[in-house]
Amino acid sequence: MSDTRNLSERYVATAGTIEREERRRNPRFLFSASMTVRLKDGIAMPGISVDLSTKGLSAMVSGVLSEGDTVVLEPVAGGAACARVRHKLGRLYGFEFVGLSAEQEAGILDACEKSKGNRRTGKRR
């Protein structure tokens, strides 16, 4: 029986380590910061970001969201950013930015550039 799931990464064992071959479109950078996740109805939930890319971020959120929800994340690169919930694993959510202005995109790119030393490499021991 073949596994037809679309996996985002593949594991390769080499000399005492497990390396993940990233198949993401954009690199992710470790980025931990307190934030607020605000729903359309104004309900605000505290959260903390885990990683950041130019297209989205992941965060631990102390509330319940559903895939497809549109939220406002703040602060992201000094302001608020609209995002869509793309996936969830317990309280860890993956958000995709939507409708960013050129200024917001530049701010997020700058934050990623500053975090280059904190790139998620995918290596595990």
PDB file of N, CA and C in Angstrom:
ATOM      1  N   MET A   1       0.856  -1.175   0.000  1.00  0.00           N
ATOM      2  CA  MET A   1       0.000   0.000   0.000  1.00  0.00           C
ATOM      3  C   MET A   1       0.901   1.236   0.000  1.00  0.00           C
ATOM      4  N   SER A   2       0.692   2.144  -0.907  1.00  0.00           N
ATOM      5  CA  SER A   2       1.530   3.354  -0.963  1.00  0.00           C
ATOM      6  C   SER A   2       0.929   4.459  -0.115  1.00  0.00           C
ATOM      7  N   ASP A   3       1.813   5.296   0.405  1.00  0.00           N
ATOM      8  CA  ASP A   3       1.386   6.423   1.236  1.00  0.00           C
ATOM      9  C   ASP A   3       1.271   7.645   0.340  1.00  0.00           C
ATOM     10  N   THR A   4       0.058   8.155   0.165  1.00  0.00           N
ATOM     11  CA  THR A   4      -0.153   9.274  -0.760  1.00  0.00           C
ATOM     12  C   THR A   4      -0.237  10.607  -0.059  1.00  0.00           C
ATOM     13  N   ARG A   5       0.067  10.650   1.259  1.00  0.00           N
ATOM     14  CA  ARG A   5       0.021  11.922   1.967  1.00  0.00           C
ATOM     15  C   ARG A   5       1.094  12.853   1.429  1.00  0.00           C
ATOM     16  N   ASN A   6       0.810  14.139   1.412  1.00  0.00           N
ATOM     17  CA  ASN A   6       1.774  15.139   0.981  1.00  0.00           C
ATOM     18  C   ASN A   6       2.593  15.563   2.200  1.00  0.00           C
ATOM     19  N   LEU A   7       3.782  15.020   2.357  1.00  0.00           N
ATOM     20  CA  LEU A   7       4.624  15.335   3.495  1.00  0.00           C
ATOM     21  C   LEU A   7       5.526  16.507   3.140  1.00  0.00           C
ATOM     22  N   SER A   8       5.702  17.417   4.100  1.00  0.00           N
ATOM     23  CA  SER A   8       6.499  18.612   3.835  1.00  0.00           C
ATOM     24  C   SER A   8       7.988  18.381   4.006  1.00  0.00           C
ATOM     25  N   GLU A   9       8.371  17.254   4.546  1.00  0.00           N
ATOM     26  CA  GLU A   9       9.788  16.996   4.724  1.00  0.00           C
ATOM     27  C   GLU A   9      10.043  15.502   4.683  1.00  0.00           C
ATOM     28  N   ARG A  10      11.280  15.147   4.347  1.00  0.00           N
ATOM     29  CA  ARG A  10      11.687  13.763   4.267  1.00  0.00           C
ATOM     30  C   ARG A  10      12.886  13.599   5.191  1.00  0.00           C
ATOM     31  N   TYR A  11      12.967  12.466   5.874  1.00  0.00           N
ATOM     32  CA  TYR A  11      14.058  12.231   6.815  1.00  0.00           C
ATOM     33  C   TYR A  11      15.121  11.346   6.173  1.00  0.00           C
ATOM     34  N   VAL A  12      16.397  11.714   6.382  1.00  0.00           N
ATOM     35  CA  VAL A  12      17.519  10.953   5.867  1.00  0.00           C
ATOM     36  C   VAL A  12      18.469  10.701   7.031  1.00  0.00           C
ATOM     37  N   ALA A  13      18.775   9.435   7.316  1.00  0.00           N
ATOM     38  CA  ALA A  13      19.681   9.101   8.417  1.00  0.00           C
ATOM     39  C   ALA A  13      21.120   9.115   7.930  1.00  0.00           C
ATOM     40  N   THR A  14      21.984   9.812   8.660  1.00  0.00           N
ATOM     41  CA  THR A  14      23.402   9.843   8.341  1.00  0.00           C
ATOM     42  C   THR A  14      24.217   9.875   9.615  1.00  0.00           C
ATOM     43  N   ALA A  15      25.150   8.974   9.775  1.00  0.00           N
ATOM     44  CA  ALA A  15      26.150   8.936  10.844  1.00  0.00           C
ATOM     45  C   ALA A  15      25.691   9.532  12.170  1.00  0.00           C
ATOM     46  N   GLY A  16      24.684   8.953  12.780  1.00  0.00           N
ATOM     47  CA  GLY A  16      24.275   9.378  14.110  1.00  0.00           C
ATOM     48  C   GLY A  16      23.340  10.569  14.163  1.00  0.00           C
ATOM     49  N   THR A  17      22.956  11.124  13.030  1.00  0.00           N
ATOM     50  CA  THR A  17      22.015  12.234  13.031  1.00  0.00           C
ATOM     51  C   THR A  17      20.873  11.917  12.079  1.00  0.00           C
ATOM     52  N   ILE A  18      19.807  12.606  12.275  1.00  0.00           N
ATOM     53  CA  ILE A  18      18.702  12.533  11.326  1.00  0.00           C
ATOM     54  C   ILE A  18      18.593  13.910  10.710  1.00  0.00           C
ATOM     55  N   GLU A  19      18.682  13.979   9.398  1.00  0.00           N
ATOM     56  CA  GLU A  19      18.576  15.258   8.711  1.00  0.00           C
ATOM     57  C   GLU A  19      17.270  15.295   7.956  1.00  0.00           C
ATOM     58  N   ARG A  20      16.584  16.418   8.067  1.00  0.00           N
ATOM     59  CA  ARG A  20      15.348  16.602   7.320  1.00  0.00           C
ATOM     60  C   ARG A  20      15.670  17.353   6.044  1.00  0.00           C
ATOM     61  N   GLU A  21      15.185  16.838   4.957  1.00  0.00           N
ATOM     62  CA  GLU A  21      15.328  17.536   3.688  1.00  0.00           C
ATOM     63  C   GLU A  21      14.123  18.459   3.554  1.00  0.00           C
ATOM     64  N   GLU A  22      14.363  19.754   3.678  1.00  0.00           N
ATOM     65  CA  GLU A  22      13.266  20.727   3.627  1.00  0.00           C
ATOM     66  C   GLU A  22      12.711  20.818   2.211  1.00  0.00           C
ATOM     67  N   ARG A  23      11.399  20.819   2.125  1.00  0.00           N
ATOM     68  CA  ARG A  23      10.742  21.001   0.838  1.00  0.00           C
ATOM     69  C   ARG A  23       9.824  22.214   0.889  1.00  0.00           C
ATOM     70  N   ARG A  24      10.134  23.130   1.775  1.00  0.00           N
ATOM     71  CA  ARG A  24       9.334  24.342   1.890  1.00  0.00           C
ATOM     72  C   ARG A  24       9.751  25.323   0.801  1.00  0.00           C
ATOM     73  N   ARG A  25       8.830  26.171   0.409  1.00  0.00           N
ATOM     74  CA  ARG A  25       9.120  27.188  -0.600  1.00  0.00           C
ATOM     75  C   ARG A  25       9.960  28.330  -0.037  1.00  0.00           C
ATOM     76  N   ASN A  26       9.808  28.602   1.261  1.00  0.00           N
ATOM     77  CA  ASN A  26      10.521  29.713   1.890  1.00  0.00           C
ATOM     78  C   ASN A  26      11.210  29.228   3.160  1.00  0.00           C
ATOM     79  N   PRO A  27      12.462  29.643   3.384  1.00  0.00           N
ATOM     80  CA  PRO A  27      13.138  29.233   4.619  1.00  0.00           C
ATOM     81  C   PRO A  27      12.452  29.836   5.838  1.00  0.00           C
ATOM     82  N   ARG A  28      12.540  29.124   6.947  1.00  0.00           N
ATOM     83  CA  ARG A  28      11.965  29.593   8.206  1.00  0.00           C
ATOM     84  C   ARG A  28      13.088  29.914   9.168  1.00  0.00           C
ATOM     85  N   PHE A  29      12.820  30.913  10.002  1.00  0.00           N
ATOM     86  CA  PHE A  29      13.806  31.368  10.966  1.00  0.00           C
ATOM     87  C   PHE A  29      13.182  31.349  12.354  1.00  0.00           C
ATOM     88  N   LEU A  30      13.953  30.843  13.336  1.00  0.00           N
ATOM     89  CA  LEU A  30      13.467  30.860  14.703  1.00  0.00           C
ATOM     90  C   LEU A  30      13.227  32.304  15.097  1.00  0.00           C
ATOM     91  N   PHE A  31      12.054  32.577  15.626  1.00  0.00           N
ATOM     92  CA  PHE A  31      11.680  33.949  15.952  1.00  0.00           C
ATOM     93  C   PHE A  31      10.648  33.894  17.063  1.00  0.00           C
ATOM     94  N   SER A  32      11.075  34.197  18.274  1.00  0.00           N
ATOM     95  CA  SER A  32      10.190  34.107  19.423  1.00  0.00           C
ATOM     96  C   SER A  32       9.841  35.498  19.927  1.00  0.00           C
ATOM     97  N   ALA A  33       8.556  35.823  19.887  1.00  0.00           N
ATOM     98  CA  ALA A  33       8.089  37.135  20.350  1.00  0.00           C
ATOM     99  C   ALA A  33       6.637  37.016  20.795  1.00  0.00           C
ATOM    100  N   SER A  34       6.285  37.762  21.845  1.00  0.00           N
ATOM    101  CA  SER A  34       4.888  37.804  22.290  1.00  0.00           C
ATOM    102  C   SER A  34       4.044  38.488  21.233  1.00  0.00           C
ATOM    103  N   MET A  35       2.826  38.027  21.078  1.00  0.00           N
ATOM    104  CA  MET A  35       1.941  38.624  20.087  1.00  0.00           C
ATOM    105  C   MET A  35       0.492  38.445  20.507  1.00  0.00           C
ATOM    106  N   THR A  36      -0.375  39.144  19.809  1.00  0.00           N
ATOM    107  CA  THR A  36      -1.817  39.020  20.004  1.00  0.00           C
ATOM    108  C   THR A  36      -2.426  38.516  18.710  1.00  0.00           C
ATOM    109  N   VAL A  37      -3.331  37.554  18.825  1.00  0.00           N
ATOM    110  CA  VAL A  37      -4.082  37.032  17.684  1.00  0.00           C
ATOM    111  C   VAL A  37      -5.507  37.523  17.868  1.00  0.00           C
ATOM    112  N   ARG A  38      -5.989  38.299  16.893  1.00  0.00           N
ATOM    113  CA  ARG A  38      -7.319  38.909  17.003  1.00  0.00           C
ATOM    114  C   ARG A  38      -8.236  38.349  15.913  1.00  0.00           C
ATOM    115  N   LEU A  39      -9.405  37.836  16.357  1.00  0.00           N
ATOM    116  CA  LEU A  39     -10.407  37.328  15.423  1.00  0.00           C
ATOM    117  C   LEU A  39     -11.226  38.476  14.832  1.00  0.00           C
ATOM    118  N   LYS A  40     -11.993  38.177  13.790  1.00  0.00           N
ATOM    119  CA  LYS A  40     -12.844  39.188  13.149  1.00  0.00           C
ATOM    120  C   LYS A  40     -13.808  39.843  14.127  1.00  0.00           C
ATOM    121  N   ASP A  41     -14.309  39.063  15.102  1.00  0.00           N
ATOM    122  CA  ASP A  41     -15.278  39.607  16.051  1.00  0.00           C
ATOM    123  C   ASP A  41     -14.616  40.400  17.181  1.00  0.00           C
ATOM    124  N   GLY A  42     -13.292  40.582  17.104  1.00  0.00           N
ATOM    125  CA  GLY A  42     -12.585  41.391  18.084  1.00  0.00           C
ATOM    126  C   GLY A  42     -11.992  40.629  19.247  1.00  0.00           C
ATOM    127  N   ILE A  43     -12.325  39.340  19.382  1.00  0.00           N
ATOM    128  CA  ILE A  43     -11.750  38.547  20.469  1.00  0.00           C
ATOM    129  C   ILE A  43     -10.241  38.459  20.269  1.00  0.00           C
ATOM    130  N   ALA A  44      -9.492  38.761  21.344  1.00  0.00           N
ATOM    131  CA  ALA A  44      -8.026  38.738  21.283  1.00  0.00           C
ATOM    132  C   ALA A  44      -7.497  37.607  22.147  1.00  0.00           C
ATOM    133  N   MET A  45      -6.495  36.910  21.629  1.00  0.00           N
ATOM    134  CA  MET A  45      -5.859  35.806  22.349  1.00  0.00           C
ATOM    135  C   MET A  45      -4.356  36.031  22.370  1.00  0.00           C
ATOM    136  N   PRO A  46      -3.719  35.822  23.520  1.00  0.00           N
ATOM    137  CA  PRO A  46      -2.265  35.958  23.559  1.00  0.00           C
ATOM    138  C   PRO A  46      -1.597  34.773  22.879  1.00  0.00           C
ATOM    139  N   GLY A  47      -0.418  35.030  22.336  1.00  0.00           N
ATOM    140  CA  GLY A  47       0.357  33.977  21.702  1.00  0.00           C
ATOM    141  C   GLY A  47       1.831  34.316  21.721  1.00  0.00           C
ATOM    142  N   ILE A  48       2.632  33.366  21.270  1.00  0.00           N
ATOM    143  CA  ILE A  48       4.069  33.604  21.129  1.00  0.00           C
ATOM    144  C   ILE A  48       4.521  32.939  19.830  1.00  0.00           C
ATOM    145  N   SER A  49       5.221  33.715  19.020  1.00  0.00           N
ATOM    146  CA  SER A  49       5.670  33.174  17.741  1.00  0.00           C
ATOM    147  C   SER A  49       6.776  32.154  17.967  1.00  0.00           C
ATOM    148  N   VAL A  50       6.892  31.218  17.024  1.00  0.00           N
ATOM    149  CA  VAL A  50       7.912  30.170  17.078  1.00  0.00           C
ATOM    150  C   VAL A  50       8.903  30.360  15.945  1.00  0.00           C
ATOM    151  N   ASP A  51       8.379  30.568  14.745  1.00  0.00           N
ATOM    152  CA  ASP A  51       9.258  30.837  13.604  1.00  0.00           C
ATOM    153  C   ASP A  51       8.566  31.759  12.620  1.00  0.00           C
ATOM    154  N   LEU A  52       9.374  32.289  11.692  1.00  0.00           N
ATOM    155  CA  LEU A  52       8.917  33.315  10.762  1.00  0.00           C
ATOM    156  C   LEU A  52       9.501  33.048   9.385  1.00  0.00           C
ATOM    157  N   SER A  53       8.710  33.275   8.356  1.00  0.00           N
ATOM    158  CA  SER A  53       9.200  33.273   6.975  1.00  0.00           C
ATOM    159  C   SER A  53       8.577  34.480   6.288  1.00  0.00           C
ATOM    160  N   THR A  54       8.957  34.709   5.062  1.00  0.00           N
ATOM    161  CA  THR A  54       8.403  35.858   4.346  1.00  0.00           C
ATOM    162  C   THR A  54       6.934  35.661   3.992  1.00  0.00           C
ATOM    163  N   LYS A  55       6.442  34.432   4.074  1.00  0.00           N
ATOM    164  CA  LYS A  55       5.056  34.143   3.698  1.00  0.00           C
ATOM    165  C   LYS A  55       4.145  33.835   4.878  1.00  0.00           C
ATOM    166  N   GLY A  56       4.720  33.675   6.091  1.00  0.00           N
ATOM    167  CA  GLY A  56       3.881  33.350   7.235  1.00  0.00           C
ATOM    168  C   GLY A  56       4.693  33.111   8.482  1.00  0.00           C
ATOM    169  N   LEU A  57       4.015  32.623   9.518  1.00  0.00           N
ATOM    170  CA  LEU A  57       4.699  32.309  10.771  1.00  0.00           C
ATOM    171  C   LEU A  57       3.945  31.216  11.484  1.00  0.00           C
ATOM    172  N   SER A  58       4.603  30.608  12.466  1.00  0.00           N
ATOM    173  CA  SER A  58       3.915  29.678  13.343  1.00  0.00           C
ATOM    174  C   SER A  58       3.950  30.251  14.745  1.00  0.00           C
ATOM    175  N   ALA A  59       2.912  29.950  15.523  1.00  0.00           N
ATOM    176  CA  ALA A  59       2.810  30.504  16.874  1.00  0.00           C
ATOM    177  C   ALA A  59       2.000  29.579  17.764  1.00  0.00           C
ATOM    178  N   MET A  60       2.351  29.594  19.037  1.00  0.00           N
ATOM    179  CA  MET A  60       1.559  28.934  20.056  1.00  0.00           C
ATOM    180  C   MET A  60       0.510  29.956  20.500  1.00  0.00           C
ATOM    181  N   VAL A  61      -0.756  29.557  20.493  1.00  0.00           N
ATOM    182  CA  VAL A  61      -1.850  30.480  20.812  1.00  0.00           C
ATOM    183  C   VAL A  61      -2.690  29.887  21.934  1.00  0.00           C
ATOM    184  N   SER A  62      -3.041  30.716  22.900  1.00  0.00           N
ATOM    185  CA  SER A  62      -3.836  30.227  24.037  1.00  0.00           C
ATOM    186  C   SER A  62      -5.322  30.403  23.770  1.00  0.00           C
ATOM    187  N   GLY A  63      -5.769  29.896  22.666  1.00  0.00           N
ATOM    188  CA  GLY A  63      -7.174  29.945  22.298  1.00  0.00           C
ATOM    189  C   GLY A  63      -7.408  28.940  21.192  1.00  0.00           C
ATOM    190  N   VAL A  64      -8.636  28.783  20.787  1.00  0.00           N
ATOM    191  CA  VAL A  64      -8.980  27.804  19.754  1.00  0.00           C
ATOM    192  C   VAL A  64      -9.289  28.517  18.454  1.00  0.00           C
ATOM    193  N   LEU A  65      -8.581  28.116  17.406  1.00  0.00           N
ATOM    194  CA  LEU A  65      -8.803  28.628  16.056  1.00  0.00           C
ATOM    195  C   LEU A  65      -9.100  27.455  15.142  1.00  0.00           C
ATOM    196  N   SER A  66      -9.692  27.737  13.999  1.00  0.00           N
ATOM    197  CA  SER A  66      -9.980  26.704  13.013  1.00  0.00           C
ATOM    198  C   SER A  66      -9.220  26.996  11.733  1.00  0.00           C
ATOM    199  N   GLU A  67      -8.851  25.930  11.034  1.00  0.00           N
ATOM    200  CA  GLU A  67      -8.206  26.112   9.739  1.00  0.00           C
ATOM    201  C   GLU A  67      -9.126  26.934   8.857  1.00  0.00           C
ATOM    202  N   GLY A  68      -8.549  27.931   8.181  1.00  0.00           N
ATOM    203  CA  GLY A  68      -9.324  28.807   7.315  1.00  0.00           C
ATOM    204  C   GLY A  68      -9.723  30.112   7.966  1.00  0.00           C
ATOM    205  N   ASP A  69      -9.647  30.197   9.303  1.00  0.00           N
ATOM    206  CA  ASP A  69      -9.958  31.456   9.983  1.00  0.00           C
ATOM    207  C   ASP A  69      -9.017  32.554   9.502  1.00  0.00           C
ATOM    208  N   THR A  70      -9.549  33.751   9.347  1.00  0.00           N
ATOM    209  CA  THR A  70      -8.726  34.919   9.038  1.00  0.00           C
ATOM    210  C   THR A  70      -8.587  35.717  10.323  1.00  0.00           C
ATOM    211  N   VAL A  71      -7.349  36.066  10.665  1.00  0.00           N
ATOM    212  CA  VAL A  71      -7.054  36.757  11.918  1.00  0.00           C
ATOM    213  C   VAL A  71      -6.122  37.934  11.653  1.00  0.00           C
ATOM    214  N   VAL A  72      -5.953  38.751  12.673  1.00  0.00           N
ATOM    215  CA  VAL A  72      -4.952  39.816  12.639  1.00  0.00           C
ATOM    216  C   VAL A  72      -3.909  39.465  13.691  1.00  0.00           C
ATOM    217  N   LEU A  73      -2.650  39.437  13.263  1.00  0.00           N
ATOM    218  CA  LEU A  73      -1.527  39.160  14.154  1.00  0.00           C
ATOM    219  C   LEU A  73      -0.818  40.469  14.437  1.00  0.00           C
ATOM    220  N   GLU A  74      -0.539  40.715  15.727  1.00  0.00           N
ATOM    221  CA  GLU A  74       0.211  41.927  16.045  1.00  0.00           C
ATOM    222  C   GLU A  74       1.066  41.739  17.287  1.00  0.00           C
ATOM    223  N   PRO A  75       2.244  42.267  17.321  1.00  0.00           N
ATOM    224  CA  PRO A  75       2.917  42.946  16.213  1.00  0.00           C
ATOM    225  C   PRO A  75       3.653  41.957  15.314  1.00  0.00           C
ATOM    226  N   VAL A  76       3.666  42.255  14.040  1.00  0.00           N
ATOM    227  CA  VAL A  76       4.467  41.548  13.048  1.00  0.00           C
ATOM    228  C   VAL A  76       5.244  42.623  12.313  1.00  0.00           C
ATOM    229  N   ALA A  77       6.553  42.612  12.461  1.00  0.00           N
ATOM    230  CA  ALA A  77       7.430  43.626  11.852  1.00  0.00           C
ATOM    231  C   ALA A  77       6.963  45.032  12.227  1.00  0.00           C
ATOM    232  N   GLY A  78       6.587  45.200  13.497  1.00  0.00           N
ATOM    233  CA  GLY A  78       6.237  46.517  14.006  1.00  0.00           C
ATOM    234  C   GLY A  78       4.794  46.943  13.843  1.00  0.00           C
ATOM    235  N   GLY A  79       3.961  46.116  13.221  1.00  0.00           N
ATOM    236  CA  GLY A  79       2.559  46.500  13.029  1.00  0.00           C
ATOM    237  C   GLY A  79       1.652  45.285  13.039  1.00  0.00           C
ATOM    238  N   ALA A  80       0.461  45.454  12.513  1.00  0.00           N
ATOM    239  CA  ALA A  80      -0.516  44.366  12.434  1.00  0.00           C
ATOM    240  C   ALA A  80      -0.480  43.751  11.040  1.00  0.00           C
ATOM    241  N   ALA A  81      -0.677  42.423  10.981  1.00  0.00           N
ATOM    242  CA  ALA A  81      -0.693  41.730   9.685  1.00  0.00           C
ATOM    243  C   ALA A  81      -1.879  40.783   9.652  1.00  0.00           C
ATOM    244  N   CYS A  82      -2.565  40.778   8.540  1.00  0.00           N
ATOM    245  CA  CYS A  82      -3.680  39.870   8.326  1.00  0.00           C
ATOM    246  C   CYS A  82      -3.109  38.506   7.914  1.00  0.00           C
ATOM    247  N   ALA A  83      -3.701  37.428   8.445  1.00  0.00           N
ATOM    248  CA  ALA A  83      -3.208  36.088   8.134  1.00  0.00           C
ATOM    249  C   ALA A  83      -4.356  35.087   8.166  1.00  0.00           C
ATOM    250  N   ARG A  84      -4.131  33.969   7.510  1.00  0.00           N
ATOM    251  CA  ARG A  84      -5.100  32.879   7.475  1.00  0.00           C
ATOM    252  C   ARG A  84      -4.497  31.674   8.192  1.00  0.00           C
ATOM    253  N   VAL A  85      -5.309  30.982   8.999  1.00  0.00           N
ATOM    254  CA  VAL A  85      -4.852  29.766   9.667  1.00  0.00           C
ATOM    255  C   VAL A  85      -4.772  28.666   8.608  1.00  0.00           C
ATOM    256  N   ARG A  86      -3.559  28.144   8.403  1.00  0.00           N
ATOM    257  CA  ARG A  86      -3.354  27.103   7.394  1.00  0.00           C
ATOM    258  C   ARG A  86      -3.341  25.705   8.001  1.00  0.00           C
ATOM    259  N   HIS A  87      -2.829  25.581   9.229  1.00  0.00           N
ATOM    260  CA  HIS A  87      -2.833  24.279   9.893  1.00  0.00           C
ATOM    261  C   HIS A  87      -2.696  24.453  11.395  1.00  0.00           C
ATOM    262  N   LYS A  88      -2.992  23.385  12.111  1.00  0.00           N
ATOM    263  CA  LYS A  88      -2.855  23.420  13.565  1.00  0.00           C
ATOM    264  C   LYS A  88      -2.433  22.055  14.063  1.00  0.00           C
ATOM    265  N   LEU A  89      -1.685  22.087  15.144  1.00  0.00           N
ATOM    266  CA  LEU A  89      -1.255  20.877  15.826  1.00  0.00           C
ATOM    267  C   LEU A  89      -1.324  21.206  17.314  1.00  0.00           C
ATOM    268  N   GLY A  90      -2.415  20.821  17.959  1.00  0.00           N
ATOM    269  CA  GLY A  90      -2.638  21.227  19.342  1.00  0.00           C
ATOM    270  C   GLY A  90      -2.820  22.737  19.393  1.00  0.00           C
ATOM    271  N   ARG A  91      -1.965  23.418  20.147  1.00  0.00           N
ATOM    272  CA  ARG A  91      -2.021  24.884  20.247  1.00  0.00           C
ATOM    273  C   ARG A  91      -1.034  25.571  19.315  1.00  0.00           C
ATOM    274  N   LEU A  92      -0.317  24.800  18.500  1.00  0.00           N
ATOM    275  CA  LEU A  92       0.614  25.364  17.524  1.00  0.00           C
ATOM    276  C   LEU A  92      -0.124  25.569  16.205  1.00  0.00           C
ATOM    277  N   TYR A  93      -0.123  26.807  15.735  1.00  0.00           N
ATOM    278  CA  TYR A  93      -0.829  27.157  14.507  1.00  0.00           C
ATOM    279  C   TYR A  93       0.147  27.666  13.454  1.00  0.00           C
ATOM    280  N   GLY A  94      -0.137  27.337  12.207  1.00  0.00           N
ATOM    281  CA  GLY A  94       0.610  27.874  11.081  1.00  0.00           C
ATOM    282  C   GLY A  94      -0.245  28.918  10.400  1.00  0.00           C
ATOM    283  N   PHE A  95       0.313  30.130  10.234  1.00  0.00           N
ATOM    284  CA  PHE A  95      -0.415  31.237   9.630  1.00  0.00           C
ATOM    285  C   PHE A  95       0.239  31.635   8.324  1.00  0.00           C
ATOM    286  N   GLU A  96      -0.570  31.934   7.316  1.00  0.00           N
ATOM    287  CA  GLU A  96      -0.096  32.461   6.035  1.00  0.00           C
ATOM    288  C   GLU A  96      -0.543  33.916   5.937  1.00  0.00           C
ATOM    289  N   PHE A  97       0.419  34.813   5.698  1.00  0.00           N
ATOM    290  CA  PHE A  97       0.080  36.223   5.567  1.00  0.00           C
ATOM    291  C   PHE A  97      -0.786  36.432   4.330  1.00  0.00           C
ATOM    292  N   VAL A  98      -1.750  37.355   4.426  1.00  0.00           N
ATOM    293  CA  VAL A  98      -2.604  37.708   3.285  1.00  0.00           C
ATOM    294  C   VAL A  98      -2.712  39.229   3.196  1.00  0.00           C
ATOM    295  N   GLY A  99      -2.690  39.739   1.985  1.00  0.00           N
ATOM    296  CA  GLY A  99      -2.927  41.164   1.749  1.00  0.00           C
ATOM    297  C   GLY A  99      -1.924  42.101   2.383  1.00  0.00           C
ATOM    298  N   LEU A 100      -0.654  41.699   2.439  1.00  0.00           N
ATOM    299  CA  LEU A 100       0.355  42.583   3.026  1.00  0.00           C
ATOM    300  C   LEU A 100       0.666  43.758   2.109  1.00  0.00           C
ATOM    301  N   SER A 101       0.936  44.895   2.704  1.00  0.00           N
ATOM    302  CA  SER A 101       1.396  46.051   1.921  1.00  0.00           C
ATOM    303  C   SER A 101       2.878  45.852   1.607  1.00  0.00           C
ATOM    304  N   ALA A 102       3.393  46.622   0.674  1.00  0.00           N
ATOM    305  CA  ALA A 102       4.818  46.555   0.329  1.00  0.00           C
ATOM    306  C   ALA A 102       5.671  46.882   1.555  1.00  0.00           C
ATOM    307  N   GLU A 103       5.202  47.811   2.375  1.00  0.00           N
ATOM    308  CA  GLU A 103       5.937  48.190   3.593  1.00  0.00           C
ATOM    309  C   GLU A 103       5.978  47.028   4.586  1.00  0.00           C
ATOM    310  N   GLN A 104       4.861  46.322   4.738  1.00  0.00           N
ATOM    311  CA  GLN A 104       4.825  45.165   5.636  1.00  0.00           C
ATOM    312  C   GLN A 104       5.739  44.054   5.127  1.00  0.00           C
ATOM    313  N   GLU A 105       5.687  43.794   3.827  1.00  0.00           N
ATOM    314  CA  GLU A 105       6.556  42.771   3.244  1.00  0.00           C
ATOM    315  C   GLU A 105       8.021  43.102   3.485  1.00  0.00           C
ATOM    316  N   ALA A 106       8.384  44.369   3.308  1.00  0.00           N
ATOM    317  CA  ALA A 106       9.771  44.798   3.533  1.00  0.00           C
ATOM    318  C   ALA A 106      10.163  44.615   5.000  1.00  0.00           C
ATOM    319  N   GLY A 107       9.268  44.938   5.928  1.00  0.00           N
ATOM    320  CA  GLY A 107       9.551  44.767   7.350  1.00  0.00           C
ATOM    321  C   GLY A 107       9.743  43.312   7.731  1.00  0.00           C
ATOM    322  N   ILE A 108       8.932  42.432   7.163  1.00  0.00           N
ATOM    323  CA  ILE A 108       9.039  41.004   7.440  1.00  0.00           C
ATOM    324  C   ILE A 108      10.323  40.453   6.829  1.00  0.00           C
ATOM    325  N   LEU A 109      10.645  40.869   5.609  1.00  0.00           N
ATOM    326  CA  LEU A 109      11.898  40.451   4.981  1.00  0.00           C
ATOM    327  C   LEU A 109      13.086  40.900   5.823  1.00  0.00           C
ATOM    328  N   ASP A 110      13.035  42.110   6.348  1.00  0.00           N
ATOM    329  CA  ASP A 110      14.108  42.623   7.201  1.00  0.00           C
ATOM    330  C   ASP A 110      14.239  41.777   8.471  1.00  0.00           C
ATOM    331  N   ALA A 111      13.113  41.407   9.089  1.00  0.00           N
ATOM    332  CA  ALA A 111      13.148  40.571  10.297  1.00  0.00           C
ATOM    333  C   ALA A 111      13.747  39.198   9.984  1.00  0.00           C
ATOM    334  N   CYS A 112      13.431  38.651   8.816  1.00  0.00           N
ATOM    335  CA  CYS A 112      14.008  37.358   8.411  1.00  0.00           C
ATOM    336  C   CYS A 112      15.508  37.499   8.185  1.00  0.00           C
ATOM    337  N   GLU A 113      15.912  38.571   7.517  1.00  0.00           N
ATOM    338  CA  GLU A 113      17.345  38.812   7.271  1.00  0.00           C
ATOM    339  C   GLU A 113      18.114  38.908   8.581  1.00  0.00           C
ATOM    340  N   LYS A 114      17.545  39.594   9.569  1.00  0.00           N
ATOM    341  CA  LYS A 114      18.206  39.748  10.870  1.00  0.00           C
ATOM    342  C   LYS A 114      18.264  38.425  11.627  1.00  0.00           C
ATOM    343  N   SER A 115      17.391  37.487  11.284  1.00  0.00           N
ATOM    344  CA  SER A 115      17.332  36.198  11.979  1.00  0.00           C
ATOM    345  C   SER A 115      18.062  35.087  11.224  1.00  0.00           C
ATOM    346  N   LYS A 116      18.810  35.426  10.190  1.00  0.00           N
ATOM    347  CA  LYS A 116      19.462  34.396   9.367  1.00  0.00           C
ATOM    348  C   LYS A 116      20.314  33.436  10.171  1.00  0.00           C
ATOM    349  N   GLY A 117      20.927  33.909  11.254  1.00  0.00           N
ATOM    350  CA  GLY A 117      21.719  33.028  12.107  1.00  0.00           C
ATOM    351  C   GLY A 117      20.873  32.025  12.858  1.00  0.00           C
ATOM    352  N   ASN A 118      19.569  32.230  12.853  1.00  0.00           N
ATOM    353  CA  ASN A 118      18.639  31.353  13.566  1.00  0.00           C
ATOM    354  C   ASN A 118      17.790  30.521  12.620  1.00  0.00           C
ATOM    355  N   ARG A 119      18.324  30.214  11.445  1.00  0.00           N
ATOM    356  CA  ARG A 119      17.557  29.445  10.471  1.00  0.00           C
ATOM    357  C   ARG A 119      17.304  28.041  10.985  1.00  0.00           C
ATOM    358  N   ARG A 120      16.101  27.572  10.765  1.00  0.00           N
ATOM    359  CA  ARG A 120      15.755  26.198  11.142  1.00  0.00           C
ATOM    360  C   ARG A 120      16.413  25.276  10.132  1.00  0.00           C
ATOM    361  N   THR A 121      17.376  24.489  10.597  1.00  0.00           N
ATOM    362  CA  THR A 121      18.149  23.635   9.690  1.00  0.00           C
ATOM    363  C   THR A 121      17.537  22.287   9.462  1.00  0.00           C
ATOM    364  N   GLY A 122      16.712  21.839  10.376  1.00  0.00           N
ATOM    365  CA  GLY A 122      16.114  20.527  10.216  1.00  0.00           C
ATOM    366  C   GLY A 122      16.970  19.387  10.728  1.00  0.00           C
ATOM    367  N   LYS A 123      18.138  19.675  11.329  1.00  0.00           N
ATOM    368  CA  LYS A 123      18.997  18.604  11.856  1.00  0.00           C
ATOM    369  C   LYS A 123      18.579  18.264  13.267  1.00  0.00           C
ATOM    370  N   ARG A 124      18.533  16.964  13.545  1.00  0.00           N
ATOM    371  CA  ARG A 124      18.201  16.495  14.888  1.00  0.00           C
ATOM    372  C   ARG A 124      19.260  15.503  15.325  1.00  0.00           C
ATOM    373  N   ARG A 125      19.480  15.439  16.609  1.00  0.00           N
ATOM    374  CA  ARG A 125      20.422  14.448  17.162  1.00  0.00           C
ATOM    375  C   ARG A 125      19.651  13.462  17.998  1.00  0.00           C
TER     376      ARG A 125
END
